Amino acid sequence: EKRYRVFADLERIAGRFPRAIFRDNADNQREITIWCSNDYLGMGQHPV
């Protein structure tokens, strides 16, 4: 039904949000930009 959910393996980079490291199934990694986070204000990585 095209409803199976695939989870993206992400490693957020503190201080550089919304940049993150993405790892594929072969554990290859590259930097990506997240455009669907619910950390709406970036407070998850705020210094305070």
ModelCIF file with pLDDT and N, C-alpha, C, O atoms, coordinates in Angstrom:
data_MODEL
#
_entry.id   MODEL 
#
_entity.id                         1 
_entity.type                       polymer 
_entity.pdbx_number_of_molecules   1 
#
_entity_poly.entity_id                      1 
_entity_poly.type                           'polypeptide(L)' 
_entity_poly.nstd_linkage                   no 
_entity_poly.nstd_monomer                   no 
_entity_poly.pdbx_seq_one_letter_code       EKRYRVFADLERIAGRFPRAIFRDNADNQREITIWCSNDYLGMGQHPV 
_entity_poly.pdbx_seq_one_letter_code_can   EKRYRVFADLERIAGRFPRAIFRDNADNQREITIWCSNDYLGMGQHPV 
_entity_poly.pdbx_strand_id                 A 
#
loop_
_entity_poly_seq.entity_id 
_entity_poly_seq.num 
_entity_poly_seq.mon_id 
_entity_poly_seq.hetero 
1 1  GLU n 
1 2  LYS n 
1 3  ARG n 
1 4  TYR n 
1 5  ARG n 
1 6  VAL n 
1 7  PHE n 
1 8  ALA n 
1 9  ASP n 
1 10 LEU n 
1 11 GLU n 
1 12 ARG n 
1 13 ILE n 
1 14 ALA n 
1 15 GLY n 
1 16 ARG n 
1 17 PHE n 
1 18 PRO n 
1 19 ARG n 
1 20 ALA n 
1 21 ILE n 
1 22 PHE n 
1 23 ARG n 
1 24 ASP n 
1 25 ASN n 
1 26 ALA n 
1 27 ASP n 
1 28 ASN n 
1 29 GLN n 
1 30 ARG n 
1 31 GLU n 
1 32 ILE n 
1 33 THR n 
1 34 ILE n 
1 35 TRP n 
1 36 CYS n 
1 37 SER n 
1 38 ASN n 
1 39 ASP n 
1 40 TYR n 
1 41 LEU n 
1 42 GLY n 
1 43 MET n 
1 44 GLY n 
1 45 GLN n 
1 46 HIS n 
1 47 PRO n 
1 48 VAL n 
#
_struct_asym.id          A 
_struct_asym.entity_id   1 
#
loop_
_ma_qa_metric.id 
_ma_qa_metric.mode 
_ma_qa_metric.name 
_ma_qa_metric.software_group_id 
_ma_qa_metric.type 
1 global pLDDT . pLDDT 
2 local  pLDDT . pLDDT 
#
_ma_qa_metric_global.metric_id      1 
_ma_qa_metric_global.metric_value   94.06 
_ma_qa_metric_global.model_id       1 
_ma_qa_metric_global.ordinal_id     1 
#
loop_
_ma_qa_metric_local.label_asym_id 
_ma_qa_metric_local.label_comp_id 
_ma_qa_metric_local.label_seq_id 
_ma_qa_metric_local.metric_id 
_ma_qa_metric_local.metric_value 
_ma_qa_metric_local.model_id 
_ma_qa_metric_local.ordinal_id 
A GLU 1  2 81.00 1 1  
A LYS 2  2 77.00 1 2  
A ARG 3  2 80.00 1 3  
A TYR 4  2 87.00 1 4  
A ARG 5  2 86.00 1 5  
A VAL 6  2 87.00 1 6  
A PHE 7  2 92.00 1 7  
A ALA 8  2 91.00 1 8  
A ASP 9  2 95.00 1 9  
A LEU 10 2 95.00 1 10 
A GLU 11 2 95.00 1 11 
A ARG 12 2 94.00 1 12 
A ILE 13 2 93.00 1 13 
A ALA 14 2 91.00 1 14 
A GLY 15 2 92.00 1 15 
A ARG 16 2 95.00 1 16 
A PHE 17 2 95.00 1 17 
A PRO 18 2 97.00 1 18 
A ARG 19 2 97.00 1 19 
A ALA 20 2 97.00 1 20 
A ILE 21 2 97.00 1 21 
A PHE 22 2 97.00 1 22 
A ARG 23 2 96.00 1 23 
A ASP 24 2 93.00 1 24 
A ASN 25 2 90.00 1 25 
A ALA 26 2 92.00 1 26 
A ASP 27 2 93.00 1 27 
A ASN 28 2 95.00 1 28 
A GLN 29 2 96.00 1 29 
A ARG 30 2 96.00 1 30 
A GLU 31 2 98.00 1 31 
A ILE 32 2 98.00 1 32 
A THR 33 2 98.00 1 33 
A ILE 34 2 98.00 1 34 
A TRP 35 2 98.00 1 35 
A CYS 36 2 97.00 1 36 
A SER 37 2 97.00 1 37 
A ASN 38 2 96.00 1 38 
A ASP 39 2 98.00 1 39 
A TYR 40 2 98.00 1 40 
A LEU 41 2 98.00 1 41 
A GLY 42 2 97.00 1 42 
A MET 43 2 98.00 1 43 
A GLY 44 2 97.00 1 44 
A GLN 45 2 95.00 1 45 
A HIS 46 2 97.00 1 46 
A PRO 47 2 97.00 1 47 
A VAL 48 2 98.00 1 48 
#
loop_
_atom_site.group_PDB 
_atom_site.id 
_atom_site.type_symbol 
_atom_site.label_atom_id 
_atom_site.label_alt_id 
_atom_site.label_comp_id 
_atom_site.label_asym_id 
_atom_site.label_entity_id 
_atom_site.label_seq_id 
_atom_site.pdbx_PDB_ins_code 
_atom_site.Cartn_x 
_atom_site.Cartn_y 
_atom_site.Cartn_z 
_atom_site.occupancy 
_atom_site.B_iso_or_equiv 
_atom_site.pdbx_formal_charge 
_atom_site.auth_seq_id 
_atom_site.auth_comp_id 
_atom_site.auth_asym_id 
_atom_site.auth_atom_id 
_atom_site.pdbx_PDB_model_num 
ATOM 1   N N  . GLU A 1 1  ? 0.809  -1.215 0.000  1.00 81.00 ? 1  GLU A N  1 
ATOM 2   C CA . GLU A 1 1  ? 0.000  0.000  0.000  1.00 81.00 ? 1  GLU A CA 1 
ATOM 3   C C  . GLU A 1 1  ? 0.843  1.266  0.000  1.00 81.00 ? 1  GLU A C  1 
ATOM 4   O O  . GLU A 1 1  ? 0.315  2.374  0.092  1.00 81.00 ? 1  GLU A O  1 
ATOM 5   N N  . LYS A 1 2  ? 2.173  1.092  -0.105 1.00 77.00 ? 2  LYS A N  1 
ATOM 6   C CA . LYS A 1 2  ? 3.112  2.215  -0.093 1.00 77.00 ? 2  LYS A CA 1 
ATOM 7   C C  . LYS A 1 2  ? 3.030  3.010  1.203  1.00 77.00 ? 2  LYS A C  1 
ATOM 8   O O  . LYS A 1 2  ? 3.206  4.228  1.211  1.00 77.00 ? 2  LYS A O  1 
ATOM 9   N N  . ARG A 1 3  ? 2.754  2.292  2.319  1.00 80.00 ? 3  ARG A N  1 
ATOM 10  C CA . ARG A 1 3  ? 2.649  2.934  3.616  1.00 80.00 ? 3  ARG A CA 1 
ATOM 11  C C  . ARG A 1 3  ? 3.726  2.480  4.589  1.00 80.00 ? 3  ARG A C  1 
ATOM 12  O O  . ARG A 1 3  ? 3.706  2.875  5.755  1.00 80.00 ? 3  ARG A O  1 
ATOM 13  N N  . TYR A 1 4  ? 4.669  1.654  4.131  1.00 87.00 ? 4  TYR A N  1 
ATOM 14  C CA . TYR A 1 4  ? 5.740  1.204  4.997  1.00 87.00 ? 4  TYR A CA 1 
ATOM 15  C C  . TYR A 1 4  ? 6.702  2.360  5.263  1.00 87.00 ? 4  TYR A C  1 
ATOM 16  O O  . TYR A 1 4  ? 7.144  3.035  4.334  1.00 87.00 ? 4  TYR A O  1 
ATOM 17  N N  . ARG A 1 5  ? 7.016  2.579  6.514  1.00 86.00 ? 5  ARG A N  1 
ATOM 18  C CA . ARG A 1 5  ? 7.813  3.733  6.898  1.00 86.00 ? 5  ARG A CA 1 
ATOM 19  C C  . ARG A 1 5  ? 9.289  3.381  7.018  1.00 86.00 ? 5  ARG A C  1 
ATOM 20  O O  . ARG A 1 5  ? 9.668  2.426  7.694  1.00 86.00 ? 5  ARG A O  1 
ATOM 21  N N  . VAL A 1 6  ? 10.099 4.170  6.350  1.00 87.00 ? 6  VAL A N  1 
ATOM 22  C CA . VAL A 1 6  ? 11.545 4.004  6.377  1.00 87.00 ? 6  VAL A CA 1 
ATOM 23  C C  . VAL A 1 6  ? 12.136 5.114  7.237  1.00 87.00 ? 6  VAL A C  1 
ATOM 24  O O  . VAL A 1 6  ? 11.871 6.293  6.999  1.00 87.00 ? 6  VAL A O  1 
ATOM 25  N N  . PHE A 1 7  ? 12.931 4.746  8.229  1.00 92.00 ? 7  PHE A N  1 
ATOM 26  C CA . PHE A 1 7  ? 13.518 5.716  9.139  1.00 92.00 ? 7  PHE A CA 1 
ATOM 27  C C  . PHE A 1 7  ? 14.895 6.149  8.648  1.00 92.00 ? 7  PHE A C  1 
ATOM 28  O O  . PHE A 1 7  ? 15.751 5.314  8.356  1.00 92.00 ? 7  PHE A O  1 
ATOM 29  N N  . ALA A 1 8  ? 15.095 7.429  8.562  1.00 91.00 ? 8  ALA A N  1 
ATOM 30  C CA . ALA A 1 8  ? 16.401 7.969  8.176  1.00 91.00 ? 8  ALA A CA 1 
ATOM 31  C C  . ALA A 1 8  ? 17.328 7.978  9.376  1.00 91.00 ? 8  ALA A C  1 
ATOM 32  O O  . ALA A 1 8  ? 16.967 8.472  10.443 1.00 91.00 ? 8  ALA A O  1 
ATOM 33  N N  . ASP A 1 9  ? 18.524 7.432  9.203  1.00 95.00 ? 9  ASP A N  1 
ATOM 34  C CA . ASP A 1 9  ? 19.543 7.377  10.252 1.00 95.00 ? 9  ASP A CA 1 
ATOM 35  C C  . ASP A 1 9  ? 20.294 8.710  10.249 1.00 95.00 ? 9  ASP A C  1 
ATOM 36  O O  . ASP A 1 9  ? 21.134 8.957  9.384  1.00 95.00 ? 9  ASP A O  1 
ATOM 37  N N  . LEU A 1 10 ? 19.985 9.557  11.218 1.00 95.00 ? 10 LEU A N  1 
ATOM 38  C CA . LEU A 1 10 ? 20.500 10.927 11.232 1.00 95.00 ? 10 LEU A CA 1 
ATOM 39  C C  . LEU A 1 10 ? 21.325 11.203 12.479 1.00 95.00 ? 10 LEU A C  1 
ATOM 40  O O  . LEU A 1 10 ? 21.035 10.681 13.555 1.00 95.00 ? 10 LEU A O  1 
ATOM 41  N N  . GLU A 1 11 ? 22.343 12.017 12.328 1.00 95.00 ? 11 GLU A N  1 
ATOM 42  C CA . GLU A 1 11 ? 23.144 12.493 13.448 1.00 95.00 ? 11 GLU A CA 1 
ATOM 43  C C  . GLU A 1 11 ? 23.214 14.014 13.354 1.00 95.00 ? 11 GLU A C  1 
ATOM 44  O O  . GLU A 1 11 ? 23.998 14.573 12.587 1.00 95.00 ? 11 GLU A O  1 
ATOM 45  N N  . ARG A 1 12 ? 22.375 14.664 14.151 1.00 94.00 ? 12 ARG A N  1 
ATOM 46  C CA . ARG A 1 12 ? 22.352 16.121 14.127 1.00 94.00 ? 12 ARG A CA 1 
ATOM 47  C C  . ARG A 1 12 ? 23.686 16.677 14.607 1.00 94.00 ? 12 ARG A C  1 
ATOM 48  O O  . ARG A 1 12 ? 24.337 16.087 15.469 1.00 94.00 ? 12 ARG A O  1 
ATOM 49  N N  . ILE A 1 13 ? 24.084 17.796 14.056 1.00 93.00 ? 13 ILE A N  1 
ATOM 50  C CA . ILE A 1 13 ? 25.375 18.403 14.372 1.00 93.00 ? 13 ILE A CA 1 
ATOM 51  C C  . ILE A 1 13 ? 25.136 19.617 15.262 1.00 93.00 ? 13 ILE A C  1 
ATOM 52  O O  . ILE A 1 13 ? 24.621 20.635 14.798 1.00 93.00 ? 13 ILE A O  1 
ATOM 53  N N  . ALA A 1 14 ? 25.504 19.518 16.524 1.00 91.00 ? 14 ALA A N  1 
ATOM 54  C CA . ALA A 1 14 ? 25.292 20.608 17.469 1.00 91.00 ? 14 ALA A CA 1 
ATOM 55  C C  . ALA A 1 14 ? 25.978 21.879 17.000 1.00 91.00 ? 14 ALA A C  1 
ATOM 56  O O  . ALA A 1 14 ? 27.161 21.880 16.661 1.00 91.00 ? 14 ALA A O  1 
ATOM 57  N N  . GLY A 1 15 ? 25.212 22.956 16.987 1.00 92.00 ? 15 GLY A N  1 
ATOM 58  C CA . GLY A 1 15 ? 25.742 24.232 16.540 1.00 92.00 ? 15 GLY A CA 1 
ATOM 59  C C  . GLY A 1 15 ? 25.602 24.478 15.056 1.00 92.00 ? 15 GLY A C  1 
ATOM 60  O O  . GLY A 1 15 ? 25.877 25.581 14.584 1.00 92.00 ? 15 GLY A O  1 
ATOM 61  N N  . ARG A 1 16 ? 25.169 23.445 14.292 1.00 95.00 ? 16 ARG A N  1 
ATOM 62  C CA . ARG A 1 16 ? 25.049 23.594 12.845 1.00 95.00 ? 16 ARG A CA 1 
ATOM 63  C C  . ARG A 1 16 ? 23.656 23.198 12.337 1.00 95.00 ? 16 ARG A C  1 
ATOM 64  O O  . ARG A 1 16 ? 23.466 23.025 11.133 1.00 95.00 ? 16 ARG A O  1 
ATOM 65  N N  . PHE A 1 17 ? 22.694 23.054 13.232 1.00 95.00 ? 17 PHE A N  1 
ATOM 66  C CA . PHE A 1 17 ? 21.341 22.744 12.813 1.00 95.00 ? 17 PHE A CA 1 
ATOM 67  C C  . PHE A 1 17 ? 20.877 23.784 11.790 1.00 95.00 ? 17 PHE A C  1 
ATOM 68  O O  . PHE A 1 17 ? 21.104 24.977 11.991 1.00 95.00 ? 17 PHE A O  1 
ATOM 69  N N  . PRO A 1 18 ? 20.216 23.347 10.670 1.00 97.00 ? 18 PRO A N  1 
ATOM 70  C CA . PRO A 1 18 ? 19.617 22.045 10.365 1.00 97.00 ? 18 PRO A CA 1 
ATOM 71  C C  . PRO A 1 18 ? 20.506 21.057 9.627  1.00 97.00 ? 18 PRO A C  1 
ATOM 72  O O  . PRO A 1 18 ? 20.002 20.119 9.010  1.00 97.00 ? 18 PRO A O  1 
ATOM 73  N N  . ARG A 1 19 ? 21.822 21.248 9.680  1.00 97.00 ? 19 ARG A N  1 
ATOM 74  C CA . ARG A 1 19 ? 22.708 20.276 9.052  1.00 97.00 ? 19 ARG A CA 1 
ATOM 75  C C  . ARG A 1 19 ? 22.795 19.022 9.913  1.00 97.00 ? 19 ARG A C  1 
ATOM 76  O O  . ARG A 1 19 ? 22.718 19.086 11.139 1.00 97.00 ? 19 ARG A O  1 
ATOM 77  N N  . ALA A 1 20 ? 22.957 17.872 9.242  1.00 97.00 ? 20 ALA A N  1 
ATOM 78  C CA . ALA A 1 20 ? 23.070 16.600 9.945  1.00 97.00 ? 20 ALA A CA 1 
ATOM 79  C C  . ALA A 1 20 ? 23.852 15.612 9.098  1.00 97.00 ? 20 ALA A C  1 
ATOM 80  O O  . ALA A 1 20 ? 24.018 15.808 7.894  1.00 97.00 ? 20 ALA A O  1 
ATOM 81  N N  . ILE A 1 21 ? 24.329 14.551 9.730  1.00 97.00 ? 21 ILE A N  1 
ATOM 82  C CA . ILE A 1 21 ? 24.990 13.454 9.030  1.00 97.00 ? 21 ILE A CA 1 
ATOM 83  C C  . ILE A 1 21 ? 23.968 12.353 8.776  1.00 97.00 ? 21 ILE A C  1 
ATOM 84  O O  . ILE A 1 21 ? 23.318 11.876 9.706  1.00 97.00 ? 21 ILE A O  1 
ATOM 85  N N  . PHE A 1 22 ? 23.828 11.953 7.523  1.00 97.00 ? 22 PHE A N  1 
ATOM 86  C CA . PHE A 1 22 ? 22.950 10.853 7.134  1.00 97.00 ? 22 PHE A CA 1 
ATOM 87  C C  . PHE A 1 22 ? 23.793 9.627  6.820  1.00 97.00 ? 22 PHE A C  1 
ATOM 88  O O  . PHE A 1 22 ? 24.808 9.722  6.130  1.00 97.00 ? 22 PHE A O  1 
ATOM 89  N N  . ARG A 1 23 ? 23.359 8.454  7.339  1.00 96.00 ? 23 ARG A N  1 
ATOM 90  C CA . ARG A 1 23 ? 24.008 7.179  7.056  1.00 96.00 ? 23 ARG A CA 1 
ATOM 91  C C  . ARG A 1 23 ? 23.043 6.264  6.342  1.00 96.00 ? 23 ARG A C  1 
ATOM 92  O O  . ARG A 1 23 ? 21.914 6.066  6.793  1.00 96.00 ? 23 ARG A O  1 
ATOM 93  N N  . ASP A 1 24 ? 23.490 5.693  5.209  1.00 93.00 ? 24 ASP A N  1 
ATOM 94  C CA . ASP A 1 24 ? 22.642 4.757  4.470  1.00 93.00 ? 24 ASP A CA 1 
ATOM 95  C C  . ASP A 1 24 ? 22.813 3.348  5.022  1.00 93.00 ? 24 ASP A C  1 
ATOM 96  O O  . ASP A 1 24 ? 23.518 3.149  6.012  1.00 93.00 ? 24 ASP A O  1 
ATOM 97  N N  . ASN A 1 25 ? 22.176 2.372  4.389  1.00 90.00 ? 25 ASN A N  1 
ATOM 98  C CA . ASN A 1 25 ? 22.210 0.996  4.884  1.00 90.00 ? 25 ASN A CA 1 
ATOM 99  C C  . ASN A 1 25 ? 23.602 0.381  4.861  1.00 90.00 ? 25 ASN A C  1 
ATOM 100 O O  . ASN A 1 25 ? 23.877 -0.564 5.601  1.00 90.00 ? 25 ASN A O  1 
ATOM 101 N N  . ALA A 1 26 ? 24.476 0.908  4.020  1.00 92.00 ? 26 ALA A N  1 
ATOM 102 C CA . ALA A 1 26 ? 25.861 0.430  3.952  1.00 92.00 ? 26 ALA A CA 1 
ATOM 103 C C  . ALA A 1 26 ? 26.775 1.215  4.888  1.00 92.00 ? 26 ALA A C  1 
ATOM 104 O O  . ALA A 1 26 ? 27.993 1.035  4.873  1.00 92.00 ? 26 ALA A O  1 
ATOM 105 N N  . ASP A 1 27 ? 26.185 2.082  5.697  1.00 93.00 ? 27 ASP A N  1 
ATOM 106 C CA . ASP A 1 27 ? 26.890 2.904  6.671  1.00 93.00 ? 27 ASP A CA 1 
ATOM 107 C C  . ASP A 1 27 ? 27.753 3.984  6.013  1.00 93.00 ? 27 ASP A C  1 
ATOM 108 O O  . ASP A 1 27 ? 28.641 4.552  6.649  1.00 93.00 ? 27 ASP A O  1 
ATOM 109 N N  . ASN A 1 28 ? 27.481 4.262  4.728  1.00 95.00 ? 28 ASN A N  1 
ATOM 110 C CA . ASN A 1 28 ? 28.116 5.417  4.106  1.00 95.00 ? 28 ASN A CA 1 
ATOM 111 C C  . ASN A 1 28 ? 27.479 6.686  4.666  1.00 95.00 ? 28 ASN A C  1 
ATOM 112 O O  . ASN A 1 28 ? 26.276 6.705  4.927  1.00 95.00 ? 28 ASN A O  1 
ATOM 113 N N  . GLN A 1 29 ? 28.249 7.726  4.851  1.00 96.00 ? 29 GLN A N  1 
ATOM 114 C CA . GLN A 1 29 ? 27.705 8.925  5.464  1.00 96.00 ? 29 GLN A CA 1 
ATOM 115 C C  . GLN A 1 29 ? 27.983 10.165 4.630  1.00 96.00 ? 29 GLN A C  1 
ATOM 116 O O  . GLN A 1 29 ? 28.993 10.260 3.933  1.00 96.00 ? 29 GLN A O  1 
ATOM 117 N N  . ARG A 1 30 ? 27.053 11.116 4.724  1.00 96.00 ? 30 ARG A N  1 
ATOM 118 C CA . ARG A 1 30 ? 27.231 12.404 4.062  1.00 96.00 ? 30 ARG A CA 1 
ATOM 119 C C  . ARG A 1 30 ? 26.393 13.456 4.783  1.00 96.00 ? 30 ARG A C  1 
ATOM 120 O O  . ARG A 1 30 ? 25.455 13.130 5.511  1.00 96.00 ? 30 ARG A O  1 
ATOM 121 N N  . GLU A 1 31 ? 26.739 14.703 4.572  1.00 98.00 ? 31 GLU A N  1 
ATOM 122 C CA . GLU A 1 31 ? 26.028 15.786 5.234  1.00 98.00 ? 31 GLU A CA 1 
ATOM 123 C C  . GLU A 1 31 ? 24.791 16.175 4.431  1.00 98.00 ? 31 GLU A C  1 
ATOM 124 O O  . GLU A 1 31 ? 24.839 16.303 3.208  1.00 98.00 ? 31 GLU A O  1 
ATOM 125 N N  . ILE A 1 32 ? 23.685 16.361 5.146  1.00 98.00 ? 32 ILE A N  1 
ATOM 126 C CA . ILE A 1 32 ? 22.429 16.742 4.509  1.00 98.00 ? 32 ILE A CA 1 
ATOM 127 C C  . ILE A 1 32 ? 21.808 17.920 5.262  1.00 98.00 ? 32 ILE A C  1 
ATOM 128 O O  . ILE A 1 32 ? 22.289 18.332 6.317  1.00 98.00 ? 32 ILE A O  1 
ATOM 129 N N  . THR A 1 33 ? 20.721 18.449 4.685  1.00 98.00 ? 33 THR A N  1 
ATOM 130 C CA . THR A 1 33 ? 19.941 19.495 5.343  1.00 98.00 ? 33 THR A CA 1 
ATOM 131 C C  . THR A 1 33 ? 18.558 18.950 5.662  1.00 98.00 ? 33 THR A C  1 
ATOM 132 O O  . THR A 1 33 ? 17.867 18.435 4.783  1.00 98.00 ? 33 THR A O  1 
ATOM 133 N N  . ILE A 1 34 ? 18.159 19.064 6.923  1.00 98.00 ? 34 ILE A N  1 
ATOM 134 C CA . ILE A 1 34 ? 16.841 18.594 7.359  1.00 98.00 ? 34 ILE A CA 1 
ATOM 135 C C  . ILE A 1 34 ? 15.824 19.715 7.176  1.00 98.00 ? 34 ILE A C  1 
ATOM 136 O O  . ILE A 1 34 ? 16.031 20.839 7.634  1.00 98.00 ? 34 ILE A O  1 
ATOM 137 N N  . TRP A 1 35 ? 14.717 19.391 6.497  1.00 98.00 ? 35 TRP A N  1 
ATOM 138 C CA . TRP A 1 35 ? 13.671 20.367 6.256  1.00 98.00 ? 35 TRP A CA 1 
ATOM 139 C C  . TRP A 1 35 ? 12.332 19.930 6.855  1.00 98.00 ? 35 TRP A C  1 
ATOM 140 O O  . TRP A 1 35 ? 11.299 20.507 6.515  1.00 98.00 ? 35 TRP A O  1 
ATOM 141 N N  . CYS A 1 36 ? 12.323 18.933 7.730  1.00 97.00 ? 36 CYS A N  1 
ATOM 142 C CA . CYS A 1 36 ? 11.055 18.452 8.281  1.00 97.00 ? 36 CYS A CA 1 
ATOM 143 C C  . CYS A 1 36 ? 11.137 18.229 9.783  1.00 97.00 ? 36 CYS A C  1 
ATOM 144 O O  . CYS A 1 36 ? 10.335 17.473 10.332 1.00 97.00 ? 36 CYS A O  1 
ATOM 145 N N  . SER A 1 37 ? 12.070 18.858 10.452 1.00 97.00 ? 37 SER A N  1 
ATOM 146 C CA . SER A 1 37 ? 12.216 18.668 11.888 1.00 97.00 ? 37 SER A CA 1 
ATOM 147 C C  . SER A 1 37 ? 11.109 19.379 12.650 1.00 97.00 ? 37 SER A C  1 
ATOM 148 O O  . SER A 1 37 ? 10.642 20.433 12.217 1.00 97.00 ? 37 SER A O  1 
ATOM 149 N N  . ASN A 1 38 ? 10.678 18.815 13.790 1.00 96.00 ? 38 ASN A N  1 
ATOM 150 C CA . ASN A 1 38 ? 9.762  19.537 14.661 1.00 96.00 ? 38 ASN A CA 1 
ATOM 151 C C  . ASN A 1 38 ? 10.503 20.274 15.781 1.00 96.00 ? 38 ASN A C  1 
ATOM 152 O O  . ASN A 1 38 ? 9.867  20.771 16.710 1.00 96.00 ? 38 ASN A O  1 
ATOM 153 N N  . ASP A 1 39 ? 11.811 20.351 15.710 1.00 98.00 ? 39 ASP A N  1 
ATOM 154 C CA . ASP A 1 39 ? 12.582 21.259 16.558 1.00 98.00 ? 39 ASP A CA 1 
ATOM 155 C C  . ASP A 1 39 ? 12.461 22.633 15.910 1.00 98.00 ? 39 ASP A C  1 
ATOM 156 O O  . ASP A 1 39 ? 13.413 23.170 15.344 1.00 98.00 ? 39 ASP A O  1 
ATOM 157 N N  . TYR A 1 40 ? 11.251 23.178 16.015 1.00 98.00 ? 40 TYR A N  1 
ATOM 158 C CA . TYR A 1 40 ? 10.832 24.300 15.187 1.00 98.00 ? 40 TYR A CA 1 
ATOM 159 C C  . TYR A 1 40 ? 11.677 25.559 15.341 1.00 98.00 ? 40 TYR A C  1 
ATOM 160 O O  . TYR A 1 40 ? 11.808 26.334 14.394 1.00 98.00 ? 40 TYR A O  1 
ATOM 161 N N  . LEU A 1 41 ? 12.247 25.771 16.515 1.00 98.00 ? 41 LEU A N  1 
ATOM 162 C CA . LEU A 1 41 ? 13.029 26.983 16.763 1.00 98.00 ? 41 LEU A CA 1 
ATOM 163 C C  . LEU A 1 41 ? 14.514 26.689 16.941 1.00 98.00 ? 41 LEU A C  1 
ATOM 164 O O  . LEU A 1 41 ? 15.299 27.598 17.215 1.00 98.00 ? 41 LEU A O  1 
ATOM 165 N N  . GLY A 1 42 ? 14.903 25.430 16.789 1.00 97.00 ? 42 GLY A N  1 
ATOM 166 C CA . GLY A 1 42 ? 16.303 25.057 16.994 1.00 97.00 ? 42 GLY A CA 1 
ATOM 167 C C  . GLY A 1 42 ? 16.726 25.076 18.447 1.00 97.00 ? 42 GLY A C  1 
ATOM 168 O O  . GLY A 1 42 ? 17.922 25.105 18.740 1.00 97.00 ? 42 GLY A O  1 
ATOM 169 N N  . MET A 1 43 ? 15.750 25.061 19.383 1.00 98.00 ? 43 MET A N  1 
ATOM 170 C CA . MET A 1 43 ? 16.089 25.139 20.799 1.00 98.00 ? 43 MET A CA 1 
ATOM 171 C C  . MET A 1 43 ? 16.739 23.860 21.307 1.00 98.00 ? 43 MET A C  1 
ATOM 172 O O  . MET A 1 43 ? 17.351 23.867 22.375 1.00 98.00 ? 43 MET A O  1 
ATOM 173 N N  . GLY A 1 44 ? 16.620 22.765 20.566 1.00 97.00 ? 44 GLY A N  1 
ATOM 174 C CA . GLY A 1 44 ? 17.282 21.531 20.959 1.00 97.00 ? 44 GLY A CA 1 
ATOM 175 C C  . GLY A 1 44 ? 18.791 21.636 20.958 1.00 97.00 ? 44 GLY A C  1 
ATOM 176 O O  . GLY A 1 44 ? 19.472 20.815 21.573 1.00 97.00 ? 44 GLY A O  1 
ATOM 177 N N  . GLN A 1 45 ? 19.324 22.640 20.271 1.00 95.00 ? 45 GLN A N  1 
ATOM 178 C CA . GLN A 1 45 ? 20.763 22.840 20.226 1.00 95.00 ? 45 GLN A CA 1 
ATOM 179 C C  . GLN A 1 45 ? 21.150 24.252 20.663 1.00 95.00 ? 45 GLN A C  1 
ATOM 180 O O  . GLN A 1 45 ? 22.258 24.710 20.383 1.00 95.00 ? 45 GLN A O  1 
ATOM 181 N N  . HIS A 1 46 ? 20.253 24.929 21.336 1.00 97.00 ? 46 HIS A N  1 
ATOM 182 C CA . HIS A 1 46 ? 20.557 26.269 21.827 1.00 97.00 ? 46 HIS A CA 1 
ATOM 183 C C  . HIS A 1 46 ? 21.524 26.173 23.022 1.00 97.00 ? 46 HIS A C  1 
ATOM 184 O O  . HIS A 1 46 ? 21.379 25.278 23.854 1.00 97.00 ? 46 HIS A O  1 
ATOM 185 N N  . PRO A 1 47 ? 22.482 27.062 23.113 1.00 97.00 ? 47 PRO A N  1 
ATOM 186 C CA . PRO A 1 47 ? 23.462 27.003 24.215 1.00 97.00 ? 47 PRO A CA 1 
ATOM 187 C C  . PRO A 1 47 ? 22.823 26.997 25.599 1.00 97.00 ? 47 PRO A C  1 
ATOM 188 O O  . PRO A 1 47 ? 23.318 26.312 26.494 1.00 97.00 ? 47 PRO A O  1 
ATOM 189 N N  . VAL A 1 48 ? 21.730 27.747 25.800 1.00 98.00 ? 48 VAL A N  1 
ATOM 190 C CA . VAL A 1 48 ? 21.114 27.803 27.122 1.00 98.00 ? 48 VAL A CA 1 
ATOM 191 C C  . VAL A 1 48 ? 20.484 26.462 27.497 1.00 98.00 ? 48 VAL A C  1 
ATOM 192 O O  . VAL A 1 48 ? 19.918 26.327 28.582 1.00 98.00 ? 48 VAL A O  1 
#
